[in-house]
Amino acid sequence: MSDLPPTFRLGLVQTHADEDPASNVERTLALIDEAADRGAEVVVTQELFASRYFCQTEDDAHFALAEEVPGPLTARLAALAQARGIAIVGSQFEKRAPGLFHNTAAVLDVDGSLAGRYRKMHIPDDPRFFEKFYFTPGDLGFQSIDTQAARLGVLVCWDQWYPEAARLTAMAGAEVLLYPTAIGTWTGERELQPAQHDAWRTMQRSHAIANGVYVAAVNRIGREGELEFWGRSFVVAPDGTVIAEAGTEEEVLVVECERAAIDTAREGWPFFRDRRVDAYDDLGKRWRDGD
């Protein structure tokens, strides 16, 4: 893909979710269309955009929300991708087999073909984030998915706290790390929201700096149950500069990304050159037990 142009335009779709999956899908498709109207070549949805964030409780009834990939939802995304000539990263609840489910991001290329998929690797299990009840950890590894628009490194929400995930995805050749996200604050601890938001934002900036890549986090908005999702979707340049950021309402961001900025960042901060790859074997361990 050496013939890629000097820039690519990245679109982020930030919206709410209500109880009606069909309504959520139609609204998201319209916002993707808006991003395309504004020149976006790659458009990314928030995490699990077709439904409310159902992982706040453990309820077997929610498994009915899952679909196969490819399936009806990816078909809708594929049709729009082909019609507008854009790549789309759509986050959804994947039914892989009876009783086997993943939190998956499907990547549709500009011709509507399924370019690849990423299954969320790190699965949280915390109050109001009971994802281990629903999702099997991903088994596709950390990848760079080539589309005709850009080389995409797709990760999902909880993955964004792990430098190992960002590093391996960048090492696979990704130009941008994309994080469909559902992050917010429990209504019982609203006073912690500023610190939580700052920590989240800081982590994504650190991934951009440490790996010399663009980073985009796409969050949802609104109150769902006991969670208040704060939005604030944003894009970070390879030098760590936040180059676009949404507010707390429904919004579409479209950002131009310069490929030369990746080279500039990595030549100025040659972290890949200076890595001691001979000294990192213990990263494969859960913990170093005093050895």
C-alpha atoms as a PDB file:
ATOM      1  CA  MET A   1       0.000   0.000   0.000  1.00  0.00           C
ATOM      2  CA  SER A   2       2.907   2.308  -0.750  1.00  0.00           C
ATOM      3  CA  ASP A   3       0.734   4.369  -3.114  1.00  0.00           C
ATOM      4  CA  LEU A   4      -1.420   5.791  -0.313  1.00  0.00           C
ATOM      5  CA  PRO A   5      -1.870   9.584  -0.495  1.00  0.00           C
ATOM      6  CA  PRO A   6      -0.110  11.899   1.971  1.00  0.00           C
ATOM      7  CA  THR A   7      -3.222  12.330   4.130  1.00  0.00           C
ATOM      8  CA  PHE A   8      -6.347  10.479   5.209  1.00  0.00           C
ATOM      9  CA  ARG A   9      -9.479  11.931   6.768  1.00  0.00           C
ATOM     10  CA  LEU A  10     -10.797  10.271   9.894  1.00  0.00           C
ATOM     11  CA  GLY A  11     -14.402  10.552  11.078  1.00  0.00           C
ATOM     12  CA  LEU A  12     -15.653   9.861  14.615  1.00  0.00           C
ATOM     13  CA  VAL A  13     -19.359   9.365  15.378  1.00  0.00           C
ATOM     14  CA  GLN A  14     -20.382  10.229  18.948  1.00  0.00           C
ATOM     15  CA  THR A  15     -24.020   9.722  19.896  1.00  0.00           C
ATOM     16  CA  HIS A  16     -26.373   8.310  22.518  1.00  0.00           C
ATOM     17  CA  ALA A  17     -28.218   5.015  22.570  1.00  0.00           C
ATOM     18  CA  ASP A  18     -31.831   4.347  23.434  1.00  0.00           C
ATOM     19  CA  GLU A  19     -33.824   1.163  24.012  1.00  0.00           C
ATOM     20  CA  ASP A  20     -34.587   0.592  20.324  1.00  0.00           C
ATOM     21  CA  PRO A  21     -31.690  -1.013  18.404  1.00  0.00           C
ATOM     22  CA  ALA A  22     -33.242  -0.116  15.042  1.00  0.00           C
ATOM     23  CA  SER A  23     -33.336   3.550  16.034  1.00  0.00           C
ATOM     24  CA  ASN A  24     -29.711   3.437  17.161  1.00  0.00           C
ATOM     25  CA  VAL A  25     -28.602   1.863  13.898  1.00  0.00           C
ATOM     26  CA  GLU A  26     -30.486   4.362  11.734  1.00  0.00           C
ATOM     27  CA  ARG A  27     -29.160   7.334  13.694  1.00  0.00           C
ATOM     28  CA  THR A  28     -25.585   6.038  13.532  1.00  0.00           C
ATOM     29  CA  LEU A  29     -25.813   5.371   9.787  1.00  0.00           C
ATOM     30  CA  ALA A  30     -27.066   8.928   9.258  1.00  0.00           C
ATOM     31  CA  LEU A  31     -24.145  10.312  11.250  1.00  0.00           C
ATOM     32  CA  ILE A  32     -21.689   8.171   9.279  1.00  0.00           C
ATOM     33  CA  ASP A  33     -23.258   9.612   6.134  1.00  0.00           C
ATOM     34  CA  GLU A  34     -22.728  13.106   7.552  1.00  0.00           C
ATOM     35  CA  ALA A  35     -19.068  12.321   8.195  1.00  0.00           C
ATOM     36  CA  ALA A  36     -18.730  11.170   4.579  1.00  0.00           C
ATOM     37  CA  ASP A  37     -20.364  14.399   3.396  1.00  0.00           C
ATOM     38  CA  ARG A  38     -17.632  16.252   5.269  1.00  0.00           C
ATOM     39  CA  GLY A  39     -14.889  14.295   3.549  1.00  0.00           C
ATOM     40  CA  ALA A  40     -14.192  11.457   5.982  1.00  0.00           C
ATOM     41  CA  GLU A  41     -12.516   8.429   4.397  1.00  0.00           C
ATOM     42  CA  VAL A  42     -12.522   6.231   7.526  1.00  0.00           C
ATOM     43  CA  VAL A  43     -15.429   6.470   9.983  1.00  0.00           C
ATOM     44  CA  VAL A  44     -15.498   4.864  13.435  1.00  0.00           C
ATOM     45  CA  THR A  45     -18.501   4.216  15.693  1.00  0.00           C
ATOM     46  CA  GLN A  46     -18.663   4.125  19.466  1.00  0.00           C
ATOM     47  CA  GLU A  47     -18.562   0.759  21.236  1.00  0.00           C
ATOM     48  CA  LEU A  48     -21.674  -1.451  20.834  1.00  0.00           C
ATOM     49  CA  PHE A  49     -23.503   1.382  19.081  1.00  0.00           C
ATOM     50  CA  ALA A  50     -26.624  -0.635  18.217  1.00  0.00           C
ATOM     51  CA  SER A  51     -27.780  -0.923  21.830  1.00  0.00           C
ATOM     52  CA  ARG A  52     -27.562   0.658  25.227  1.00  0.00           C
ATOM     53  CA  TYR A  53     -24.606  -0.476  27.321  1.00  0.00           C
ATOM     54  CA  PHE A  54     -26.254  -3.656  28.610  1.00  0.00           C
ATOM     55  CA  CYS A  55     -23.261  -4.923  30.636  1.00  0.00           C
ATOM     56  CA  GLN A  56     -24.390  -3.047  33.751  1.00  0.00           C
ATOM     57  CA  THR A  57     -26.281  -6.205  34.749  1.00  0.00           C
ATOM     58  CA  GLU A  58     -25.910  -9.935  34.143  1.00  0.00           C
ATOM     59  CA  ASP A  59     -29.016 -10.880  32.185  1.00  0.00           C
ATOM     60  CA  ASP A  60     -29.318 -13.793  29.758  1.00  0.00           C
ATOM     61  CA  ALA A  61     -31.937 -11.862  27.786  1.00  0.00           C
ATOM     62  CA  HIS A  62     -29.236  -9.546  26.434  1.00  0.00           C
ATOM     63  CA  PHE A  63     -27.652 -12.362  24.420  1.00  0.00           C
ATOM     64  CA  ALA A  64     -30.515 -11.840  21.948  1.00  0.00           C
ATOM     65  CA  LEU A  65     -28.830  -8.573  20.913  1.00  0.00           C
ATOM     66  CA  ALA A  66     -25.880 -10.435  19.376  1.00  0.00           C
ATOM     67  CA  GLU A  67     -25.485 -11.054  15.633  1.00  0.00           C
ATOM     68  CA  GLU A  68     -23.135 -13.044  13.473  1.00  0.00           C
ATOM     69  CA  VAL A  69     -20.296 -11.312  11.634  1.00  0.00           C
ATOM     70  CA  PRO A  70     -20.904 -10.968   8.770  1.00  0.00           C
ATOM     71  CA  GLY A  71     -24.597 -10.591   9.410  1.00  0.00           C
ATOM     72  CA  PRO A  72     -27.473  -8.090   9.147  1.00  0.00           C
ATOM     73  CA  LEU A  73     -25.661  -5.222  10.893  1.00  0.00           C
ATOM     74  CA  THR A  74     -22.441  -5.596   8.954  1.00  0.00           C
ATOM     75  CA  ALA A  75     -24.525  -5.782   5.781  1.00  0.00           C
ATOM     76  CA  ARG A  76     -25.978  -2.338   6.555  1.00  0.00           C
ATOM     77  CA  LEU A  77     -22.514  -0.957   7.218  1.00  0.00           C
ATOM     78  CA  ALA A  78     -21.112  -2.599   4.098  1.00  0.00           C
ATOM     79  CA  ALA A  79     -23.821  -1.106   1.895  1.00  0.00           C
ATOM     80  CA  LEU A  80     -23.105   2.372   3.230  1.00  0.00           C
ATOM     81  CA  ALA A  81     -19.344   1.900   2.938  1.00  0.00           C
ATOM     82  CA  GLN A  82     -19.715   0.914  -0.712  1.00  0.00           C
ATOM     83  CA  ALA A  83     -22.230   3.648  -1.503  1.00  0.00           C
ATOM     84  CA  ARG A  84     -20.030   6.384  -0.023  1.00  0.00           C
ATOM     85  CA  GLY A  85     -16.625   4.897  -0.853  1.00  0.00           C
ATOM     86  CA  ILE A  86     -15.455   4.968   2.761  1.00  0.00           C
ATOM     87  CA  ALA A  87     -14.057   2.478   5.254  1.00  0.00           C
ATOM     88  CA  ILE A  88     -16.221   1.928   8.352  1.00  0.00           C
ATOM     89  CA  VAL A  89     -15.228   0.475  11.709  1.00  0.00           C
ATOM     90  CA  GLY A  90     -18.410  -0.729  13.409  1.00  0.00           C
ATOM     91  CA  SER A  91     -18.416  -2.076  16.968  1.00  0.00           C
ATOM     92  CA  GLN A  92     -20.959  -4.791  17.703  1.00  0.00           C
ATOM     93  CA  PHE A  93     -21.966  -7.749  19.863  1.00  0.00           C
ATOM     94  CA  GLU A  94     -20.872 -10.804  17.859  1.00  0.00           C
ATOM     95  CA  LYS A  95     -22.505 -14.216  18.132  1.00  0.00           C
ATOM     96  CA  ARG A  96     -19.812 -16.615  16.992  1.00  0.00           C
ATOM     97  CA  ALA A  97     -21.614 -19.842  17.921  1.00  0.00           C
ATOM     98  CA  PRO A  98     -24.340 -20.868  20.370  1.00  0.00           C
ATOM     99  CA  GLY A  99     -23.131 -19.729  23.783  1.00  0.00           C
ATOM    100  CA  LEU A 100     -19.983 -18.082  22.363  1.00  0.00           C
ATOM    101  CA  PHE A 101     -19.937 -14.299  22.055  1.00  0.00           C
ATOM    102  CA  HIS A 102     -17.390 -11.545  21.463  1.00  0.00           C
ATOM    103  CA  ASN A 103     -17.190  -7.768  21.644  1.00  0.00           C
ATOM    104  CA  THR A 104     -16.117  -7.240  18.047  1.00  0.00           C
ATOM    105  CA  ALA A 105     -15.243  -4.399  15.702  1.00  0.00           C
ATOM    106  CA  ALA A 106     -15.905  -5.176  12.048  1.00  0.00           C
ATOM    107  CA  VAL A 107     -13.898  -3.272   9.438  1.00  0.00           C
ATOM    108  CA  LEU A 108     -15.669  -2.668   6.121  1.00  0.00           C
ATOM    109  CA  ASP A 109     -13.517  -1.498   3.222  1.00  0.00           C
ATOM    110  CA  VAL A 110     -14.480   1.201   0.742  1.00  0.00           C
ATOM    111  CA  ASP A 111     -15.944  -1.409  -1.632  1.00  0.00           C
ATOM    112  CA  GLY A 112     -18.138  -2.884   1.109  1.00  0.00           C
ATOM    113  CA  SER A 113     -15.998  -5.983   1.633  1.00  0.00           C
ATOM    114  CA  LEU A 114     -15.158  -7.211   5.117  1.00  0.00           C
ATOM    115  CA  ALA A 115     -11.505  -6.197   5.436  1.00  0.00           C
ATOM    116  CA  GLY A 116     -11.145  -7.769   8.865  1.00  0.00           C
ATOM    117  CA  ARG A 117     -12.408  -7.892  12.399  1.00  0.00           C
ATOM    118  CA  TYR A 118     -10.984  -7.350  15.845  1.00  0.00           C
ATOM    119  CA  ARG A 119     -12.275  -9.114  18.936  1.00  0.00           C
ATOM    120  CA  LYS A 120     -11.771  -7.244  22.193  1.00  0.00           C
ATOM    121  CA  MET A 121      -8.870  -8.825  24.058  1.00  0.00           C
ATOM    122  CA  HIS A 122      -9.102  -7.300  27.532  1.00  0.00           C
ATOM    123  CA  ILE A 123     -12.499  -7.942  29.147  1.00  0.00           C
ATOM    124  CA  PRO A 124     -13.348  -6.028  32.338  1.00  0.00           C
ATOM    125  CA  ASP A 125     -15.388  -7.316  35.252  1.00  0.00           C
ATOM    126  CA  ASP A 126     -16.314  -4.498  37.598  1.00  0.00           C
ATOM    127  CA  PRO A 127     -19.521  -3.139  39.120  1.00  0.00           C
ATOM    128  CA  ARG A 128     -21.714  -1.937  36.209  1.00  0.00           C
ATOM    129  CA  PHE A 129     -19.149  -3.283  33.713  1.00  0.00           C
ATOM    130  CA  PHE A 130     -19.884  -7.035  33.884  1.00  0.00           C
ATOM    131  CA  GLU A 131     -18.410  -7.817  30.479  1.00  0.00           C
ATOM    132  CA  LYS A 132     -16.947 -11.213  31.392  1.00  0.00           C
ATOM    133  CA  PHE A 133     -20.513 -12.503  31.698  1.00  0.00           C
ATOM    134  CA  TYR A 134     -21.120 -11.696  28.013  1.00  0.00           C
ATOM    135  CA  PHE A 135     -17.840 -11.709  26.101  1.00  0.00           C
ATOM    136  CA  THR A 136     -15.181 -14.333  25.451  1.00  0.00           C
ATOM    137  CA  PRO A 137     -11.709 -12.727  25.216  1.00  0.00           C
ATOM    138  CA  GLY A 138     -10.587 -12.139  21.657  1.00  0.00           C
ATOM    139  CA  ASP A 139      -8.467 -14.729  19.861  1.00  0.00           C
ATOM    140  CA  LEU A 140      -7.407 -12.803  16.739  1.00  0.00           C
ATOM    141  CA  GLY A 141      -4.512 -10.968  18.364  1.00  0.00           C
ATOM    142  CA  PHE A 142      -3.375  -7.421  17.753  1.00  0.00           C
ATOM    143  CA  GLN A 143      -3.505  -6.544  14.075  1.00  0.00           C
ATOM    144  CA  SER A 144      -3.163  -3.883  11.444  1.00  0.00           C
ATOM    145  CA  ILE A 145      -6.096  -4.167   9.066  1.00  0.00           C
ATOM    146  CA  ASP A 146      -5.402  -2.800   5.600  1.00  0.00           C
ATOM    147  CA  THR A 147      -8.147  -0.858   3.854  1.00  0.00           C
ATOM    148  CA  GLN A 148      -7.941   1.191   0.698  1.00  0.00           C
ATOM    149  CA  ALA A 149      -8.124   4.310   2.884  1.00  0.00           C
ATOM    150  CA  ALA A 150      -5.599   3.556   5.644  1.00  0.00           C
ATOM    151  CA  ARG A 151      -3.882   0.897   7.744  1.00  0.00           C
ATOM    152  CA  LEU A 152      -6.117   0.592  10.780  1.00  0.00           C
ATOM    153  CA  GLY A 153      -5.223  -0.697  14.207  1.00  0.00           C
ATOM    154  CA  VAL A 154      -8.510  -1.484  15.923  1.00  0.00           C
ATOM    155  CA  LEU A 155      -8.816  -2.013  19.676  1.00  0.00           C
ATOM    156  CA  VAL A 156     -11.850  -1.653  21.951  1.00  0.00           C
ATOM    157  CA  CYS A 157     -12.445   0.334  25.154  1.00  0.00           C
ATOM    158  CA  TRP A 158     -10.761  -1.538  28.053  1.00  0.00           C
ATOM    159  CA  ASP A 159      -7.878  -2.328  25.682  1.00  0.00           C
ATOM    160  CA  GLN A 160      -7.017   1.371  25.789  1.00  0.00           C
ATOM    161  CA  TRP A 161      -5.419   1.071  29.223  1.00  0.00           C
ATOM    162  CA  TYR A 162      -2.812  -1.466  28.064  1.00  0.00           C
ATOM    163  CA  PRO A 163       0.452  -0.194  26.542  1.00  0.00           C
ATOM    164  CA  GLU A 164       1.213  -3.737  25.358  1.00  0.00           C
ATOM    165  CA  ALA A 165      -1.882  -3.712  23.117  1.00  0.00           C
ATOM    166  CA  ALA A 166      -1.034  -0.333  21.615  1.00  0.00           C
ATOM    167  CA  ARG A 167       2.611  -1.331  21.038  1.00  0.00           C
ATOM    168  CA  LEU A 168       1.857  -4.636  19.330  1.00  0.00           C
ATOM    169  CA  THR A 169      -0.795  -3.053  17.129  1.00  0.00           C
ATOM    170  CA  ALA A 170       1.560  -0.271  16.082  1.00  0.00           C
ATOM    171  CA  MET A 171       4.281  -2.844  15.420  1.00  0.00           C
ATOM    172  CA  ALA A 172       1.885  -4.617  13.049  1.00  0.00           C
ATOM    173  CA  GLY A 173       1.957  -1.508  10.844  1.00  0.00           C
ATOM    174  CA  ALA A 174      -1.093   0.501  11.939  1.00  0.00           C
ATOM    175  CA  GLU A 175      -1.117   4.205  11.111  1.00  0.00           C
ATOM    176  CA  VAL A 176      -3.853   4.954  13.618  1.00  0.00           C
ATOM    177  CA  LEU A 177      -5.110   3.202  16.745  1.00  0.00           C
ATOM    178  CA  LEU A 178      -8.910   3.290  16.874  1.00  0.00           C
ATOM    179  CA  TYR A 179     -10.729   2.724  20.158  1.00  0.00           C
ATOM    180  CA  PRO A 180     -14.536   2.375  20.024  1.00  0.00           C
ATOM    181  CA  THR A 181     -15.415   3.170  23.632  1.00  0.00           C
ATOM    182  CA  ALA A 182     -18.130   3.180  26.279  1.00  0.00           C
ATOM    183  CA  ILE A 183     -16.631   5.001  29.242  1.00  0.00           C
ATOM    184  CA  GLY A 184     -18.349   7.061  31.866  1.00  0.00           C
ATOM    185  CA  THR A 185     -18.834   7.611  35.564  1.00  0.00           C
ATOM    186  CA  TRP A 186     -21.090   5.882  38.070  1.00  0.00           C
ATOM    187  CA  THR A 187     -23.712   8.352  39.258  1.00  0.00           C
ATOM    188  CA  GLY A 188     -22.721   7.542  42.839  1.00  0.00           C
ATOM    189  CA  GLU A 189     -19.224   8.964  42.383  1.00  0.00           C
ATOM    190  CA  ARG A 190     -19.663  11.976  40.113  1.00  0.00           C
ATOM    191  CA  GLU A 191     -16.944  13.802  42.036  1.00  0.00           C
ATOM    192  CA  LEU A 192     -14.381  11.413  40.492  1.00  0.00           C
ATOM    193  CA  GLN A 193     -15.359  12.183  36.902  1.00  0.00           C
ATOM    194  CA  PRO A 194     -12.722  14.904  36.253  1.00  0.00           C
ATOM    195  CA  ALA A 195      -9.884  12.644  37.419  1.00  0.00           C
ATOM    196  CA  GLN A 196     -11.271   9.641  35.521  1.00  0.00           C
ATOM    197  CA  HIS A 197     -11.591  11.656  32.330  1.00  0.00           C
ATOM    198  CA  ASP A 198      -8.088  13.078  32.682  1.00  0.00           C
ATOM    199  CA  ALA A 199      -6.599   9.612  33.213  1.00  0.00           C
ATOM    200  CA  TRP A 200      -8.402   8.277  30.108  1.00  0.00           C
ATOM    201  CA  ARG A 201      -7.256  11.163  27.952  1.00  0.00           C
ATOM    202  CA  THR A 202      -3.693  10.943  29.249  1.00  0.00           C
ATOM    203  CA  MET A 203      -3.438   7.233  28.432  1.00  0.00           C
ATOM    204  CA  GLN A 204      -4.445   7.750  24.803  1.00  0.00           C
ATOM    205  CA  ARG A 205      -1.956  10.599  24.404  1.00  0.00           C
ATOM    206  CA  SER A 206       0.762   8.351  25.820  1.00  0.00           C
ATOM    207  CA  HIS A 207      -0.016   5.618  23.260  1.00  0.00           C
ATOM    208  CA  ALA A 208       0.352   8.146  20.446  1.00  0.00           C
ATOM    209  CA  ILE A 209       3.677   9.419  21.762  1.00  0.00           C
ATOM    210  CA  ALA A 210       5.182   6.041  22.633  1.00  0.00           C
ATOM    211  CA  ASN A 211       4.304   4.549  19.252  1.00  0.00           C
ATOM    212  CA  GLY A 212       4.388   7.528  16.904  1.00  0.00           C
ATOM    213  CA  VAL A 213       0.871   6.932  15.576  1.00  0.00           C
ATOM    214  CA  TYR A 214      -2.463   8.694  15.463  1.00  0.00           C
ATOM    215  CA  VAL A 215      -4.923   7.629  18.167  1.00  0.00           C
ATOM    216  CA  ALA A 216      -8.702   8.102  18.139  1.00  0.00           C
ATOM    217  CA  ALA A 217     -11.119   7.307  20.969  1.00  0.00           C
ATOM    218  CA  VAL A 218     -14.842   7.322  20.123  1.00  0.00           C
ATOM    219  CA  ASN A 219     -17.101   7.497  23.177  1.00  0.00           C
ATOM    220  CA  ARG A 220     -20.871   7.552  23.690  1.00  0.00           C
ATOM    221  CA  ILE A 221     -22.931  10.177  25.515  1.00  0.00           C
ATOM    222  CA  GLY A 222     -25.907  10.267  27.857  1.00  0.00           C
ATOM    223  CA  ARG A 223     -27.107   8.561  30.993  1.00  0.00           C
ATOM    224  CA  GLU A 224     -27.849   4.846  30.822  1.00  0.00           C
ATOM    225  CA  GLY A 225     -28.899   3.219  34.067  1.00  0.00           C
ATOM    226  CA  GLU A 226     -26.333   4.162  36.703  1.00  0.00           C
ATOM    227  CA  LEU A 227     -23.673   5.325  34.243  1.00  0.00           C
ATOM    228  CA  GLU A 228     -23.174   8.776  32.763  1.00  0.00           C
ATOM    229  CA  PHE A 229     -21.146   8.569  29.562  1.00  0.00           C
ATOM    230  CA  TRP A 230     -19.135  11.722  29.081  1.00  0.00           C
ATOM    231  CA  GLY A 231     -18.462  11.718  25.329  1.00  0.00           C
ATOM    232  CA  ARG A 232     -15.380  13.884  24.696  1.00  0.00           C
ATOM    233  CA  SER A 233     -14.262  11.721  21.751  1.00  0.00           C
ATOM    234  CA  PHE A 234     -10.914  12.898  20.467  1.00  0.00           C
ATOM    235  CA  VAL A 235      -8.002  12.414  18.063  1.00  0.00           C
ATOM    236  CA  VAL A 236      -4.326  12.615  19.011  1.00  0.00           C
ATOM    237  CA  ALA A 237      -1.430  13.256  16.627  1.00  0.00           C
ATOM    238  CA  PRO A 238       1.749  11.136  16.764  1.00  0.00           C
ATOM    239  CA  ASP A 239       3.471  13.799  18.887  1.00  0.00           C
ATOM    240  CA  GLY A 240       0.731  13.617  21.531  1.00  0.00           C
ATOM    241  CA  THR A 241      -1.119  16.783  20.521  1.00  0.00           C
ATOM    242  CA  VAL A 242      -4.899  16.586  20.812  1.00  0.00           C
ATOM    243  CA  ILE A 243      -5.947  17.842  17.375  1.00  0.00           C
ATOM    244  CA  ALA A 244      -9.725  17.479  17.732  1.00  0.00           C
ATOM    245  CA  GLU A 245     -12.077  16.857  20.628  1.00  0.00           C
ATOM    246  CA  ALA A 246     -15.854  16.620  20.891  1.00  0.00           C
ATOM    247  CA  GLY A 247     -17.980  17.931  23.715  1.00  0.00           C
ATOM    248  CA  THR A 248     -20.598  16.058  25.710  1.00  0.00           C
ATOM    249  CA  GLU A 249     -23.396  16.198  23.113  1.00  0.00           C
ATOM    250  CA  GLU A 250     -23.996  14.323  19.851  1.00  0.00           C
ATOM    251  CA  GLU A 251     -21.197  15.252  17.459  1.00  0.00           C
ATOM    252  CA  VAL A 252     -19.317  14.151  14.376  1.00  0.00           C
ATOM    253  CA  LEU A 253     -15.595  14.905  14.198  1.00  0.00           C
ATOM    254  CA  VAL A 254     -13.701  14.840  10.902  1.00  0.00           C
ATOM    255  CA  VAL A 255      -9.933  15.212  11.149  1.00  0.00           C
ATOM    256  CA  GLU A 256      -7.210  15.231   8.509  1.00  0.00           C
ATOM    257  CA  CYS A 257      -4.235  13.031   9.410  1.00  0.00           C
ATOM    258  CA  GLU A 258      -0.858  13.543   7.735  1.00  0.00           C
ATOM    259  CA  ARG A 259       1.146  10.386   7.158  1.00  0.00           C
ATOM    260  CA  ALA A 260       4.418  12.325   7.242  1.00  0.00           C
ATOM    261  CA  ALA A 261       3.720  13.156  10.901  1.00  0.00           C
ATOM    262  CA  ILE A 262       4.264   9.489  11.739  1.00  0.00           C
ATOM    263  CA  ASP A 263       7.757   9.527  10.211  1.00  0.00           C
ATOM    264  CA  THR A 264       8.556  12.841  11.868  1.00  0.00           C
ATOM    265  CA  ALA A 265       7.515  11.633  15.318  1.00  0.00           C
ATOM    266  CA  ARG A 266       9.411   8.341  15.054  1.00  0.00           C
ATOM    267  CA  GLU A 267      12.572   9.974  13.722  1.00  0.00           C
ATOM    268  CA  GLY A 268      12.505  12.599  16.458  1.00  0.00           C
ATOM    269  CA  TRP A 269      11.664  10.107  19.217  1.00  0.00           C
ATOM    270  CA  PRO A 270      13.239   6.815  18.015  1.00  0.00           C
ATOM    271  CA  PHE A 271      11.606   4.584  20.597  1.00  0.00           C
ATOM    272  CA  PHE A 272      11.430   1.622  18.228  1.00  0.00           C
ATOM    273  CA  ARG A 273      15.153   1.902  17.530  1.00  0.00           C
ATOM    274  CA  ASP A 274      16.085   1.887  21.213  1.00  0.00           C
ATOM    275  CA  ARG A 275      13.789  -0.847  22.469  1.00  0.00           C
ATOM    276  CA  ARG A 276      15.673  -3.607  24.330  1.00  0.00           C
ATOM    277  CA  VAL A 277      13.833  -6.489  22.742  1.00  0.00           C
ATOM    278  CA  ASP A 278      16.331  -8.896  24.317  1.00  0.00           C
ATOM    279  CA  ALA A 279      15.229  -7.855  27.818  1.00  0.00           C
ATOM    280  CA  TYR A 280      11.438  -8.098  27.752  1.00  0.00           C
ATOM    281  CA  ASP A 281      10.812 -11.841  28.137  1.00  0.00           C
ATOM    282  CA  ASP A 282       9.156 -11.344  31.513  1.00  0.00           C
ATOM    283  CA  LEU A 283       6.328  -9.388  29.923  1.00  0.00           C
ATOM    284  CA  GLY A 284       4.906 -12.804  29.086  1.00  0.00           C
ATOM    285  CA  LYS A 285       4.501 -13.541  32.802  1.00  0.00           C
ATOM    286  CA  ARG A 286       1.571 -12.544  34.995  1.00  0.00           C
ATOM    287  CA  TRP A 287       3.968 -11.208  37.668  1.00  0.00           C
ATOM    288  CA  ARG A 288       7.627 -11.428  38.651  1.00  0.00           C
ATOM    289  CA  ASP A 289       7.667 -13.361  41.910  1.00  0.00           C
ATOM    290  CA  GLY A 290      10.930 -12.215  43.431  1.00  0.00           C
ATOM    291  CA  ASP A 291      13.228 -13.963  40.966  1.00  0.00           C
END
